[in-house]
Amino acid sequence: MAVTVANAEVYFATQVLHNDEWVAADPAQKQRALANAKALLYRVYRNFSESTKPIPDKAVYEQALWLLRVDETIRKAEMGVKIISVSGMQIAVDKAPRTIAPQAVLIIGRRAGRAL
């Protein structure tokens, strides 16, 4: 199988219970999420190669969903923001959240010698 929006649609419709972010995304967002997920996973998992040892499609789909779920608070935390305050209410972020979707890690596995 290939990583396409059509194949991702089937995957999310049949295998993922909480898929609201995917369903709500427009076709262009879905395509960008898949492209970004694929590029990110190949950057992190350098022992995989698109031509000789491809990352499993399901891992790309899970990573795409993870990227669609990222909200503004998480994006700011990735840029180093520690506290967000709005109308006297504060959100403190201890550390930047994980970049790789937990489900993708389970599908691919951890990189040897490196924490994700």
Protein backbone atom coordinates (compact mmCIF):
# COMPACT_ATOMS: atom_id res chain seq x y z
CA MET A 1 0.00 0.00 0.00
CA ALA A 2 1.07 3.59 -0.54
CA VAL A 3 0.67 6.59 1.74
CA THR A 4 -2.24 8.44 0.14
CA VAL A 5 -5.19 10.39 1.46
CA ALA A 6 -7.52 7.67 0.11
CA ASN A 7 -5.65 4.90 1.94
CA ALA A 8 -5.50 7.02 5.09
CA GLU A 9 -9.27 7.57 4.87
CA VAL A 10 -9.82 3.79 4.89
CA TYR A 11 -7.39 3.34 7.79
CA PHE A 12 -9.03 6.03 9.94
CA ALA A 13 -12.56 4.87 9.09
CA THR A 14 -11.89 1.24 9.95
CA GLN A 15 -9.13 1.17 12.57
CA VAL A 16 -9.09 4.39 14.60
CA LEU A 17 -11.85 5.15 17.09
CA HIS A 18 -10.87 8.74 17.97
CA ASN A 19 -10.33 10.19 14.49
CA ASP A 20 -12.20 13.49 14.80
CA GLU A 21 -9.25 15.69 13.81
CA TRP A 22 -8.73 13.68 10.63
CA VAL A 23 -12.43 13.74 9.72
CA ALA A 24 -12.63 17.51 10.34
CA ALA A 25 -9.57 18.33 8.20
CA ASP A 26 -10.03 19.42 4.61
CA PRO A 27 -8.33 17.47 1.78
CA ALA A 28 -5.43 19.93 1.54
CA GLN A 29 -4.77 19.71 5.30
CA LYS A 30 -4.86 15.92 5.13
CA GLN A 31 -2.33 15.89 2.27
CA ARG A 32 -0.03 18.29 4.13
CA ALA A 33 -0.34 16.29 7.36
CA LEU A 34 0.63 13.08 5.56
CA ALA A 35 3.56 14.75 3.77
CA ASN A 36 4.80 16.37 6.98
CA ALA A 37 4.38 13.14 8.97
CA LYS A 38 6.30 11.13 6.41
CA ALA A 39 9.16 13.66 6.22
CA LEU A 40 9.38 13.92 10.01
CA LEU A 41 9.47 10.15 10.53
CA TYR A 42 12.22 9.70 7.93
CA ARG A 43 14.21 12.50 9.61
CA VAL A 44 13.92 10.85 13.03
CA TYR A 45 14.21 7.21 11.95
CA ARG A 46 17.29 7.41 9.75
CA ASN A 47 17.64 3.63 9.55
CA PHE A 48 14.59 3.66 7.24
CA SER A 49 14.76 4.60 3.57
CA GLU A 50 11.85 5.36 1.29
CA SER A 51 13.32 3.22 -1.49
CA THR A 52 14.80 0.25 0.39
CA LYS A 53 13.20 0.09 3.86
CA PRO A 54 10.02 2.21 3.97
CA ILE A 55 8.36 3.31 7.18
CA PRO A 56 5.07 1.42 7.65
CA ASP A 57 2.08 3.32 6.23
CA LYS A 58 0.17 2.95 9.51
CA ALA A 59 2.95 4.81 11.34
CA VAL A 60 2.69 7.68 8.85
CA TYR A 61 -1.09 7.79 9.30
CA GLU A 62 -0.78 7.86 13.10
CA GLN A 63 1.85 10.60 12.90
CA ALA A 64 -0.38 12.64 10.59
CA LEU A 65 -3.25 12.38 13.07
CA TRP A 66 -0.88 13.41 15.88
CA LEU A 67 0.16 16.49 13.90
CA LEU A 68 -3.47 17.44 13.29
CA ARG A 69 -4.10 17.21 17.04
CA VAL A 70 -1.32 19.62 17.97
CA ASP A 71 -2.87 22.78 19.37
CA GLU A 72 -1.42 26.25 19.84
CA THR A 73 -0.22 25.52 23.39
CA ILE A 74 1.83 22.55 22.24
CA ARG A 75 3.30 24.49 19.30
CA LYS A 76 4.38 27.25 21.70
CA ALA A 77 5.88 24.70 24.10
CA GLU A 78 7.94 23.29 21.22
CA MET A 79 9.32 26.83 20.75
CA GLY A 80 10.33 27.03 24.42
CA VAL A 81 7.37 28.85 26.01
CA LYS A 82 7.05 27.81 29.68
CA ILE A 83 3.88 29.62 30.81
CA ILE A 84 0.81 30.85 28.93
CA SER A 85 -1.51 33.27 30.70
CA VAL A 86 -4.96 34.41 29.55
CA SER A 87 -7.28 36.53 31.70
CA GLY A 88 -5.58 35.47 34.92
CA MET A 89 -5.61 31.79 34.04
CA GLN A 90 -2.23 30.13 33.50
CA ILE A 91 -1.03 26.99 31.79
CA ALA A 92 2.47 25.89 32.74
CA VAL A 93 4.28 23.58 30.34
CA ASP A 94 6.99 21.51 32.01
CA LYS A 95 8.75 20.47 28.80
CA ALA A 96 8.07 20.27 25.12
CA PRO A 97 5.80 17.33 24.32
CA ARG A 98 6.89 14.41 22.23
CA THR A 99 7.30 15.05 18.54
CA ILE A 100 6.56 11.50 17.46
CA ALA A 101 3.10 10.02 17.99
CA PRO A 102 3.08 7.28 20.64
CA GLN A 103 1.21 4.95 18.25
CA ALA A 104 3.84 5.54 15.54
CA VAL A 105 6.57 4.66 18.04
CA LEU A 106 4.75 1.42 18.86
CA ILE A 107 4.51 0.55 15.16
CA ILE A 108 8.10 1.48 14.24
CA GLY A 109 9.91 0.93 17.53
CA ARG A 110 12.39 3.11 19.36
CA ARG A 111 15.64 4.19 17.84
CA ALA A 112 18.56 2.35 19.41
CA GLY A 113 20.36 4.48 21.99
CA ARG A 114 18.06 7.48 21.65
CA ALA A 115 14.99 8.56 23.59
CA LEU A 116 12.05 10.00 21.68
